[in-house]
Amino acid sequence: KKGCTFTALSEVAKTLNENDIETEIFWIGTKPIISCNACTKCSELGKCTFDNDKVNEFVQKANDADGFIFGSPVHYAAATGGITSFLGRSFYSNSHGAGGKAFLFKPGASVVSARRGGNTATFDQLNKFMTISQMPIISSYYWNMVHGNTPEEVMQDEEGLSTMRQL
């Protein structure tokens, strides 16, 4: 819960809070998250039909949010299965077909963390959720990534932390 990605997101949140921008780090947890099966029931229900995880809770919060930063560690040069399933269902159940506008035109950014490699592929993967949802993507002066195998190692990645503060 308080690993490398949390450390990066906390650095962003700290800078935003110092500039009077309210933040919340929403943790999706460690329980398995079912992926979207495109059943389209969300267009009838106004929410995802699977209601045993945090997707619908998040989408409710997303309606009131002004912007988003999505984070994931890198696993095999990709975002985790959990965040991929979570975002897939969050965005699909809130698409125009489902009548939702929780993400429409709201700024978003992605943050990734890895011990060594796979960051840019993961960064691109997360950004695609926003580009298909008409969200302006916020960038920093380098790709939004940190390196380290532990939170302590991430705190030694000065360039990565500087990128988080600039974001």
N, C-alpha and C. Protein backbone atom coordinates (compact mmCIF):
# COMPACT_ATOMS: atom_id res chain seq x y z
N LYS A 1 0.82 -1.21 0.00
CA LYS A 1 0.00 0.00 0.00
C LYS A 1 0.86 1.26 0.00
N LYS A 2 1.99 1.21 0.61
CA LYS A 2 2.85 2.39 0.70
C LYS A 2 4.20 2.12 0.02
N GLY A 3 4.11 1.58 -1.21
CA GLY A 3 5.31 1.21 -1.94
C GLY A 3 5.84 2.33 -2.82
N CYS A 4 6.49 1.93 -3.89
CA CYS A 4 7.19 2.88 -4.77
C CYS A 4 6.23 3.80 -5.51
N THR A 5 5.13 3.28 -6.03
CA THR A 5 4.17 4.13 -6.74
C THR A 5 3.53 5.11 -5.77
N PHE A 6 3.17 4.66 -4.58
CA PHE A 6 2.63 5.55 -3.55
C PHE A 6 3.62 6.66 -3.23
N THR A 7 4.89 6.33 -3.16
CA THR A 7 5.92 7.32 -2.86
C THR A 7 5.95 8.40 -3.95
N ALA A 8 5.87 7.98 -5.21
CA ALA A 8 5.85 8.95 -6.32
C ALA A 8 4.59 9.80 -6.27
N LEU A 9 3.44 9.16 -6.08
CA LEU A 9 2.17 9.91 -6.01
C LEU A 9 2.16 10.86 -4.83
N SER A 10 2.76 10.46 -3.72
CA SER A 10 2.83 11.33 -2.53
C SER A 10 3.66 12.58 -2.80
N GLU A 11 4.69 12.43 -3.60
CA GLU A 11 5.52 13.59 -3.96
C GLU A 11 4.70 14.58 -4.80
N VAL A 12 3.91 14.07 -5.72
CA VAL A 12 3.02 14.93 -6.52
C VAL A 12 2.00 15.59 -5.61
N ALA A 13 1.37 14.80 -4.74
CA ALA A 13 0.34 15.31 -3.84
C ALA A 13 0.89 16.40 -2.92
N LYS A 14 2.10 16.19 -2.43
CA LYS A 14 2.74 17.17 -1.54
C LYS A 14 2.86 18.53 -2.24
N THR A 15 3.32 18.52 -3.47
CA THR A 15 3.48 19.77 -4.22
C THR A 15 2.12 20.41 -4.51
N LEU A 16 1.14 19.59 -4.89
CA LEU A 16 -0.20 20.14 -5.13
C LEU A 16 -0.79 20.73 -3.86
N ASN A 17 -0.66 20.03 -2.74
CA ASN A 17 -1.17 20.52 -1.46
C ASN A 17 -0.50 21.84 -1.06
N GLU A 18 0.80 21.96 -1.32
CA GLU A 18 1.51 23.21 -1.01
C GLU A 18 0.98 24.38 -1.84
N ASN A 19 0.30 24.07 -2.94
CA ASN A 19 -0.28 25.10 -3.80
C ASN A 19 -1.80 25.14 -3.65
N ASP A 20 -2.29 24.72 -2.48
CA ASP A 20 -3.71 24.78 -2.13
C ASP A 20 -4.61 23.97 -3.07
N ILE A 21 -4.08 22.87 -3.58
CA ILE A 21 -4.88 21.97 -4.40
C ILE A 21 -5.10 20.70 -3.58
N GLU A 22 -6.36 20.41 -3.31
CA GLU A 22 -6.72 19.25 -2.50
C GLU A 22 -6.48 17.96 -3.28
N THR A 23 -5.95 16.96 -2.59
CA THR A 23 -5.66 15.68 -3.22
C THR A 23 -6.19 14.52 -2.38
N GLU A 24 -6.36 13.40 -3.03
CA GLU A 24 -6.67 12.15 -2.36
C GLU A 24 -6.00 11.03 -3.15
N ILE A 25 -5.28 10.18 -2.46
CA ILE A 25 -4.71 9.01 -3.10
C ILE A 25 -5.69 7.87 -2.87
N PHE A 26 -6.29 7.39 -3.96
CA PHE A 26 -7.30 6.35 -3.91
C PHE A 26 -6.61 5.03 -4.22
N TRP A 27 -6.52 4.16 -3.22
CA TRP A 27 -5.83 2.88 -3.38
C TRP A 27 -6.84 1.82 -3.79
N ILE A 28 -6.56 1.10 -4.86
CA ILE A 28 -7.51 0.10 -5.34
C ILE A 28 -7.44 -1.21 -4.55
N GLY A 29 -6.46 -1.36 -3.70
CA GLY A 29 -6.35 -2.55 -2.87
C GLY A 29 -5.63 -3.69 -3.54
N THR A 30 -5.67 -4.84 -2.89
CA THR A 30 -4.95 -6.00 -3.39
C THR A 30 -5.87 -7.14 -3.79
N LYS A 31 -7.17 -6.97 -3.60
CA LYS A 31 -8.10 -8.02 -4.03
C LYS A 31 -8.17 -8.05 -5.56
N PRO A 32 -8.41 -9.22 -6.13
CA PRO A 32 -8.54 -9.31 -7.59
C PRO A 32 -9.67 -8.42 -8.11
N ILE A 33 -9.43 -7.80 -9.27
CA ILE A 33 -10.43 -6.95 -9.91
C ILE A 33 -10.79 -7.58 -11.25
N ILE A 34 -12.06 -7.89 -11.40
CA ILE A 34 -12.55 -8.50 -12.63
C ILE A 34 -12.40 -7.50 -13.77
N SER A 35 -11.96 -7.98 -14.92
CA SER A 35 -11.84 -7.09 -16.07
C SER A 35 -13.19 -6.89 -16.74
N CYS A 36 -13.31 -5.84 -17.51
CA CYS A 36 -14.54 -5.54 -18.23
C CYS A 36 -14.78 -6.63 -19.28
N ASN A 37 -16.01 -7.09 -19.39
CA ASN A 37 -16.33 -8.08 -20.41
C ASN A 37 -17.26 -7.49 -21.48
N ALA A 38 -17.40 -6.15 -21.49
CA ALA A 38 -18.20 -5.43 -22.48
C ALA A 38 -19.64 -5.92 -22.54
N CYS A 39 -20.22 -6.22 -21.38
CA CYS A 39 -21.60 -6.68 -21.34
C CYS A 39 -22.60 -5.55 -21.63
N THR A 40 -22.16 -4.32 -21.53
CA THR A 40 -22.92 -3.08 -21.76
C THR A 40 -24.06 -2.87 -20.76
N LYS A 41 -24.12 -3.64 -19.70
CA LYS A 41 -25.15 -3.44 -18.67
C LYS A 41 -24.98 -2.09 -17.98
N CYS A 42 -23.78 -1.55 -18.00
CA CYS A 42 -23.53 -0.25 -17.37
C CYS A 42 -24.37 0.85 -18.02
N SER A 43 -24.66 0.71 -19.30
CA SER A 43 -25.49 1.73 -19.97
C SER A 43 -26.92 1.71 -19.45
N GLU A 44 -27.38 0.56 -18.95
CA GLU A 44 -28.71 0.47 -18.35
C GLU A 44 -28.69 0.85 -16.88
N LEU A 45 -27.65 0.40 -16.16
CA LEU A 45 -27.58 0.58 -14.71
C LEU A 45 -26.99 1.92 -14.29
N GLY A 46 -26.21 2.54 -15.16
CA GLY A 46 -25.52 3.77 -14.80
C GLY A 46 -24.28 3.51 -13.95
N LYS A 47 -23.88 2.27 -13.83
CA LYS A 47 -22.67 1.87 -13.12
C LYS A 47 -22.29 0.48 -13.60
N CYS A 48 -21.09 0.06 -13.24
CA CYS A 48 -20.63 -1.28 -13.62
C CYS A 48 -21.46 -2.32 -12.89
N THR A 49 -21.81 -3.36 -13.59
CA THR A 49 -22.62 -4.43 -13.01
C THR A 49 -21.85 -5.22 -11.95
N PHE A 50 -20.51 -5.31 -12.09
CA PHE A 50 -19.69 -5.96 -11.07
C PHE A 50 -19.54 -4.97 -9.92
N ASP A 51 -20.00 -5.34 -8.75
CA ASP A 51 -20.01 -4.39 -7.64
C ASP A 51 -19.30 -4.95 -6.41
N ASN A 52 -18.26 -5.75 -6.63
CA ASN A 52 -17.56 -6.37 -5.51
C ASN A 52 -16.14 -5.84 -5.31
N ASP A 53 -15.86 -4.69 -5.90
CA ASP A 53 -14.55 -4.06 -5.72
C ASP A 53 -14.75 -2.55 -5.67
N LYS A 54 -13.70 -1.78 -5.90
CA LYS A 54 -13.76 -0.33 -5.70
C LYS A 54 -14.07 0.49 -6.96
N VAL A 55 -14.38 -0.15 -8.07
CA VAL A 55 -14.61 0.58 -9.32
C VAL A 55 -15.76 1.57 -9.19
N ASN A 56 -16.92 1.12 -8.78
CA ASN A 56 -18.07 2.03 -8.70
C ASN A 56 -17.87 3.13 -7.66
N GLU A 57 -17.21 2.79 -6.56
CA GLU A 57 -16.89 3.81 -5.54
C GLU A 57 -16.01 4.90 -6.16
N PHE A 58 -15.02 4.47 -6.92
CA PHE A 58 -14.12 5.44 -7.56
C PHE A 58 -14.86 6.32 -8.57
N VAL A 59 -15.68 5.72 -9.41
CA VAL A 59 -16.40 6.49 -10.43
C VAL A 59 -17.30 7.53 -9.77
N GLN A 60 -17.91 7.20 -8.64
CA GLN A 60 -18.71 8.18 -7.92
C GLN A 60 -17.85 9.37 -7.48
N LYS A 61 -16.67 9.09 -6.95
CA LYS A 61 -15.73 10.15 -6.55
C LYS A 61 -15.25 10.93 -7.78
N ALA A 62 -15.07 10.23 -8.88
CA ALA A 62 -14.55 10.85 -10.10
C ALA A 62 -15.49 11.92 -10.63
N ASN A 63 -16.77 11.75 -10.41
CA ASN A 63 -17.73 12.75 -10.87
C ASN A 63 -17.44 14.13 -10.29
N ASP A 64 -16.94 14.19 -9.06
CA ASP A 64 -16.67 15.45 -8.38
C ASP A 64 -15.22 15.90 -8.49
N ALA A 65 -14.36 15.07 -9.01
CA ALA A 65 -12.94 15.40 -9.11
C ALA A 65 -12.69 16.35 -10.28
N ASP A 66 -11.68 17.19 -10.12
CA ASP A 66 -11.30 18.14 -11.17
C ASP A 66 -10.21 17.60 -12.08
N GLY A 67 -9.51 16.56 -11.65
CA GLY A 67 -8.44 15.99 -12.44
C GLY A 67 -7.96 14.71 -11.81
N PHE A 68 -7.07 14.01 -12.51
CA PHE A 68 -6.64 12.68 -12.08
C PHE A 68 -5.17 12.46 -12.35
N ILE A 69 -4.55 11.66 -11.49
CA ILE A 69 -3.22 11.13 -11.74
C ILE A 69 -3.32 9.64 -11.44
N PHE A 70 -3.12 8.82 -12.45
CA PHE A 70 -3.20 7.38 -12.30
C PHE A 70 -1.79 6.82 -12.20
N GLY A 71 -1.57 5.93 -11.24
CA GLY A 71 -0.24 5.38 -11.04
C GLY A 71 -0.22 3.87 -11.05
N SER A 72 0.90 3.32 -11.49
CA SER A 72 1.06 1.86 -11.49
C SER A 72 2.54 1.51 -11.41
N PRO A 73 2.85 0.45 -10.68
CA PRO A 73 4.19 -0.11 -10.84
C PRO A 73 4.27 -0.83 -12.18
N VAL A 74 5.47 -1.08 -12.62
CA VAL A 74 5.69 -1.79 -13.87
C VAL A 74 5.87 -3.27 -13.57
N HIS A 75 5.07 -4.10 -14.21
CA HIS A 75 5.21 -5.56 -14.13
C HIS A 75 5.35 -6.08 -15.55
N TYR A 76 6.48 -6.64 -15.87
CA TYR A 76 6.74 -7.18 -17.20
C TYR A 76 6.47 -6.15 -18.30
N ALA A 77 7.00 -4.95 -18.11
CA ALA A 77 6.90 -3.84 -19.08
C ALA A 77 5.45 -3.43 -19.34
N ALA A 78 4.59 -3.55 -18.34
CA ALA A 78 3.18 -3.17 -18.48
C ALA A 78 2.63 -2.75 -17.13
N ALA A 79 1.49 -2.08 -17.17
CA ALA A 79 0.79 -1.75 -15.94
C ALA A 79 0.30 -3.04 -15.29
N THR A 80 0.03 -2.99 -14.02
CA THR A 80 -0.44 -4.18 -13.33
C THR A 80 -1.80 -4.61 -13.86
N GLY A 81 -2.10 -5.89 -13.74
CA GLY A 81 -3.41 -6.38 -14.15
C GLY A 81 -4.52 -5.71 -13.37
N GLY A 82 -4.28 -5.43 -12.09
CA GLY A 82 -5.29 -4.79 -11.27
C GLY A 82 -5.67 -3.41 -11.77
N ILE A 83 -4.68 -2.56 -12.04
CA ILE A 83 -4.99 -1.19 -12.49
C ILE A 83 -5.58 -1.22 -13.90
N THR A 84 -5.13 -2.15 -14.73
CA THR A 84 -5.67 -2.25 -16.08
C THR A 84 -7.15 -2.63 -16.04
N SER A 85 -7.51 -3.62 -15.25
CA SER A 85 -8.91 -4.01 -15.11
C SER A 85 -9.72 -2.88 -14.47
N PHE A 86 -9.15 -2.26 -13.45
CA PHE A 86 -9.81 -1.16 -12.75
C PHE A 86 -10.11 0.01 -13.69
N LEU A 87 -9.12 0.44 -14.43
CA LEU A 87 -9.33 1.56 -15.35
C LEU A 87 -10.23 1.18 -16.51
N GLY A 88 -10.08 -0.04 -17.01
CA GLY A 88 -10.94 -0.49 -18.10
C GLY A 88 -12.41 -0.40 -17.72
N ARG A 89 -12.75 -0.91 -16.56
CA ARG A 89 -14.14 -0.86 -16.12
C ARG A 89 -14.57 0.54 -15.72
N SER A 90 -13.69 1.30 -15.08
CA SER A 90 -14.03 2.67 -14.68
C SER A 90 -14.35 3.52 -15.90
N PHE A 91 -13.50 3.44 -16.91
CA PHE A 91 -13.71 4.25 -18.10
C PHE A 91 -14.86 3.73 -18.95
N TYR A 92 -14.94 2.40 -19.14
CA TYR A 92 -16.00 1.85 -19.98
C TYR A 92 -17.38 2.11 -19.37
N SER A 93 -17.51 1.92 -18.08
CA SER A 93 -18.81 2.12 -17.44
C SER A 93 -19.19 3.59 -17.35
N ASN A 94 -18.27 4.45 -17.69
CA ASN A 94 -18.53 5.88 -17.63
C ASN A 94 -18.36 6.53 -19.00
N SER A 95 -18.44 5.72 -20.03
CA SER A 95 -18.31 6.26 -21.39
C SER A 95 -19.59 6.97 -21.81
N HIS A 96 -19.55 7.60 -22.94
CA HIS A 96 -20.73 8.33 -23.43
C HIS A 96 -21.92 7.40 -23.60
N GLY A 97 -21.67 6.15 -24.03
CA GLY A 97 -22.76 5.20 -24.19
C GLY A 97 -23.47 4.91 -22.87
N ALA A 98 -22.69 4.98 -21.78
CA ALA A 98 -23.28 4.75 -20.46
C ALA A 98 -23.80 6.05 -19.87
N GLY A 99 -23.62 7.16 -20.59
CA GLY A 99 -24.14 8.44 -20.14
C GLY A 99 -23.26 9.17 -19.15
N GLY A 100 -22.08 8.63 -18.84
CA GLY A 100 -21.22 9.24 -17.83
C GLY A 100 -20.28 10.28 -18.40
N LYS A 101 -19.93 11.20 -17.54
CA LYS A 101 -18.99 12.24 -17.94
C LYS A 101 -17.97 12.52 -16.83
N ALA A 102 -17.68 11.51 -16.03
CA ALA A 102 -16.77 11.70 -14.91
C ALA A 102 -15.37 12.10 -15.36
N PHE A 103 -14.96 11.70 -16.56
CA PHE A 103 -13.60 11.93 -17.03
C PHE A 103 -13.52 12.95 -18.17
N LEU A 104 -14.61 13.22 -18.83
CA LEU A 104 -14.66 14.05 -20.02
C LEU A 104 -14.05 15.44 -19.79
N PHE A 105 -13.05 15.78 -20.56
CA PHE A 105 -12.37 17.07 -20.57
C PHE A 105 -11.63 17.40 -19.28
N LYS A 106 -11.50 16.46 -18.38
CA LYS A 106 -10.76 16.70 -17.14
C LYS A 106 -9.30 16.33 -17.36
N PRO A 107 -8.37 17.13 -16.83
CA PRO A 107 -6.95 16.83 -17.03
C PRO A 107 -6.54 15.56 -16.30
N GLY A 108 -5.62 14.84 -16.90
CA GLY A 108 -5.12 13.62 -16.29
C GLY A 108 -3.65 13.42 -16.57
N ALA A 109 -3.03 12.64 -15.72
CA ALA A 109 -1.62 12.30 -15.88
C ALA A 109 -1.41 10.87 -15.41
N SER A 110 -0.32 10.28 -15.83
CA SER A 110 0.07 8.95 -15.40
C SER A 110 1.43 9.03 -14.72
N VAL A 111 1.61 8.18 -13.73
CA VAL A 111 2.87 8.05 -13.01
C VAL A 111 3.19 6.57 -12.94
N VAL A 112 4.42 6.21 -13.27
CA VAL A 112 4.82 4.81 -13.21
C VAL A 112 6.11 4.67 -12.40
N SER A 113 6.25 3.51 -11.81
CA SER A 113 7.47 3.23 -11.04
C SER A 113 8.00 1.86 -11.42
N ALA A 114 9.30 1.77 -11.52
CA ALA A 114 9.93 0.49 -11.86
C ALA A 114 11.31 0.42 -11.23
N ARG A 115 11.75 -0.79 -11.03
CA ARG A 115 13.12 -0.97 -10.55
C ARG A 115 14.10 -0.49 -11.61
N ARG A 116 13.83 -0.86 -12.88
CA ARG A 116 14.78 -0.51 -13.93
C ARG A 116 14.12 -0.14 -15.25
N GLY A 117 13.35 -1.05 -15.88
CA GLY A 117 12.86 -0.81 -17.23
C GLY A 117 11.38 -1.09 -17.40
N GLY A 118 10.89 -0.76 -18.58
CA GLY A 118 9.49 -0.97 -18.91
C GLY A 118 8.60 0.23 -18.65
N ASN A 119 9.21 1.30 -18.19
CA ASN A 119 8.44 2.49 -17.80
C ASN A 119 7.69 3.13 -18.96
N THR A 120 8.36 3.34 -20.08
CA THR A 120 7.71 4.09 -21.15
C THR A 120 6.55 3.31 -21.75
N ALA A 121 6.66 2.00 -21.84
CA ALA A 121 5.53 1.20 -22.34
C ALA A 121 4.34 1.30 -21.39
N THR A 122 4.61 1.26 -20.09
CA THR A 122 3.54 1.35 -19.09
C THR A 122 2.94 2.74 -19.09
N PHE A 123 3.77 3.76 -19.19
CA PHE A 123 3.31 5.15 -19.25
C PHE A 123 2.37 5.34 -20.44
N ASP A 124 2.75 4.82 -21.59
CA ASP A 124 1.92 4.89 -22.79
C ASP A 124 0.60 4.14 -22.59
N GLN A 125 0.67 2.97 -21.99
CA GLN A 125 -0.53 2.17 -21.75
C GLN A 125 -1.54 2.93 -20.89
N LEU A 126 -1.10 3.54 -19.81
CA LEU A 126 -2.01 4.29 -18.93
C LEU A 126 -2.56 5.53 -19.62
N ASN A 127 -1.73 6.20 -20.40
CA ASN A 127 -2.19 7.42 -21.08
C ASN A 127 -3.29 7.14 -22.09
N LYS A 128 -3.32 5.95 -22.64
CA LYS A 128 -4.35 5.62 -23.65
C LYS A 128 -5.75 5.65 -23.07
N PHE A 129 -5.91 5.36 -21.79
CA PHE A 129 -7.24 5.47 -21.17
C PHE A 129 -7.73 6.91 -21.26
N MET A 130 -6.82 7.85 -21.11
CA MET A 130 -7.22 9.27 -21.13
C MET A 130 -7.43 9.78 -22.55
N THR A 131 -6.60 9.35 -23.47
CA THR A 131 -6.73 9.90 -24.83
C THR A 131 -8.04 9.48 -25.48
N ILE A 132 -8.54 8.30 -25.17
CA ILE A 132 -9.79 7.85 -25.77
C ILE A 132 -11.00 8.46 -25.06
N SER A 133 -10.75 9.15 -23.96
CA SER A 133 -11.83 9.73 -23.17
C SER A 133 -11.83 11.26 -23.22
N GLN A 134 -11.15 11.82 -24.19
CA GLN A 134 -11.11 13.27 -24.41
C GLN A 134 -10.60 14.02 -23.19
N MET A 135 -9.58 13.48 -22.57
CA MET A 135 -8.95 14.12 -21.42
C MET A 135 -7.63 14.74 -21.85
N PRO A 136 -7.39 16.00 -21.53
CA PRO A 136 -6.07 16.56 -21.79
C PRO A 136 -5.03 15.90 -20.86
N ILE A 137 -3.93 15.49 -21.45
CA ILE A 137 -2.88 14.82 -20.67
C ILE A 137 -1.87 15.86 -20.19
N ILE A 138 -1.61 15.83 -18.90
CA ILE A 138 -0.66 16.75 -18.28
C ILE A 138 0.70 16.05 -18.23
N SER A 139 1.71 16.79 -18.60
CA SER A 139 3.05 16.22 -18.61
C SER A 139 3.97 17.01 -17.70
N SER A 140 5.16 16.50 -17.53
CA SER A 140 6.20 17.17 -16.78
C SER A 140 7.33 17.46 -17.75
N TYR A 141 8.54 17.73 -17.26
CA TYR A 141 9.63 17.98 -18.19
C TYR A 141 10.39 16.70 -18.55
N TYR A 142 9.90 15.60 -18.08
CA TYR A 142 10.40 14.29 -18.49
C TYR A 142 9.25 13.32 -18.31
N TRP A 143 9.38 12.10 -18.76
CA TRP A 143 8.31 11.13 -18.56
C TRP A 143 8.07 10.97 -17.07
N ASN A 144 6.83 10.81 -16.69
CA ASN A 144 6.44 10.75 -15.28
C ASN A 144 6.74 9.37 -14.71
N MET A 145 7.99 9.20 -14.31
CA MET A 145 8.42 7.89 -13.80
C MET A 145 9.48 8.06 -12.73
N VAL A 146 9.49 7.09 -11.84
CA VAL A 146 10.54 7.01 -10.83
C VAL A 146 11.15 5.62 -10.90
N HIS A 147 12.38 5.52 -10.42
CA HIS A 147 13.08 4.24 -10.39
C HIS A 147 13.44 3.88 -8.96
N GLY A 148 13.29 2.60 -8.66
CA GLY A 148 13.65 2.08 -7.35
C GLY A 148 12.91 0.80 -7.08
N ASN A 149 13.50 -0.04 -6.28
CA ASN A 149 12.88 -1.31 -5.92
C ASN A 149 12.17 -1.21 -4.57
N THR A 150 12.45 -0.14 -3.83
CA THR A 150 11.82 0.11 -2.54
C THR A 150 11.50 1.60 -2.46
N PRO A 151 10.59 2.00 -1.57
CA PRO A 151 10.33 3.43 -1.41
C PRO A 151 11.60 4.22 -1.07
N GLU A 152 12.49 3.61 -0.30
CA GLU A 152 13.74 4.28 0.06
C GLU A 152 14.61 4.53 -1.18
N GLU A 153 14.62 3.58 -2.10
CA GLU A 153 15.38 3.77 -3.34
C GLU A 153 14.72 4.83 -4.22
N VAL A 154 13.38 4.87 -4.25
CA VAL A 154 12.68 5.92 -5.00
C VAL A 154 13.05 7.29 -4.45
N MET A 155 13.16 7.41 -3.14
CA MET A 155 13.52 8.69 -2.52
C MET A 155 14.94 9.13 -2.87
N GLN A 156 15.75 8.22 -3.41
CA GLN A 156 17.10 8.56 -3.87
C GLN A 156 17.12 8.94 -5.35
N ASP A 157 16.01 8.74 -6.05
CA ASP A 157 15.91 9.08 -7.47
C ASP A 157 15.56 10.56 -7.61
N GLU A 158 16.57 11.39 -7.50
CA GLU A 158 16.35 12.85 -7.52
C GLU A 158 15.68 13.33 -8.80
N GLU A 159 16.09 12.80 -9.94
CA GLU A 159 15.48 13.22 -11.20
C GLU A 159 14.01 12.82 -11.25
N GLY A 160 13.71 11.60 -10.81
CA GLY A 160 12.33 11.14 -10.79
C GLY A 160 11.48 11.97 -9.85
N LEU A 161 11.98 12.27 -8.66
CA LEU A 161 11.23 13.07 -7.69
C LEU A 161 11.03 14.50 -8.20
N SER A 162 12.05 15.03 -8.85
CA SER A 162 11.92 16.37 -9.44
C SER A 162 10.83 16.39 -10.52
N THR A 163 10.77 15.31 -11.31
CA THR A 163 9.74 15.18 -12.34
C THR A 163 8.36 15.14 -11.70
N MET A 164 8.24 14.45 -10.56
CA MET A 164 6.95 14.38 -9.85
C MET A 164 6.55 15.76 -9.33
N ARG A 165 7.50 16.49 -8.78
CA ARG A 165 7.19 17.84 -8.26
C ARG A 165 6.78 18.77 -9.39
N GLN A 166 7.45 18.68 -10.52
CA GLN A 166 7.09 19.54 -11.67
C GLN A 166 5.71 19.18 -12.22
N LEU A 167 5.38 17.89 -12.22
CA LEU A 167 4.06 17.45 -12.69
C LEU A 167 2.98 18.12 -11.86
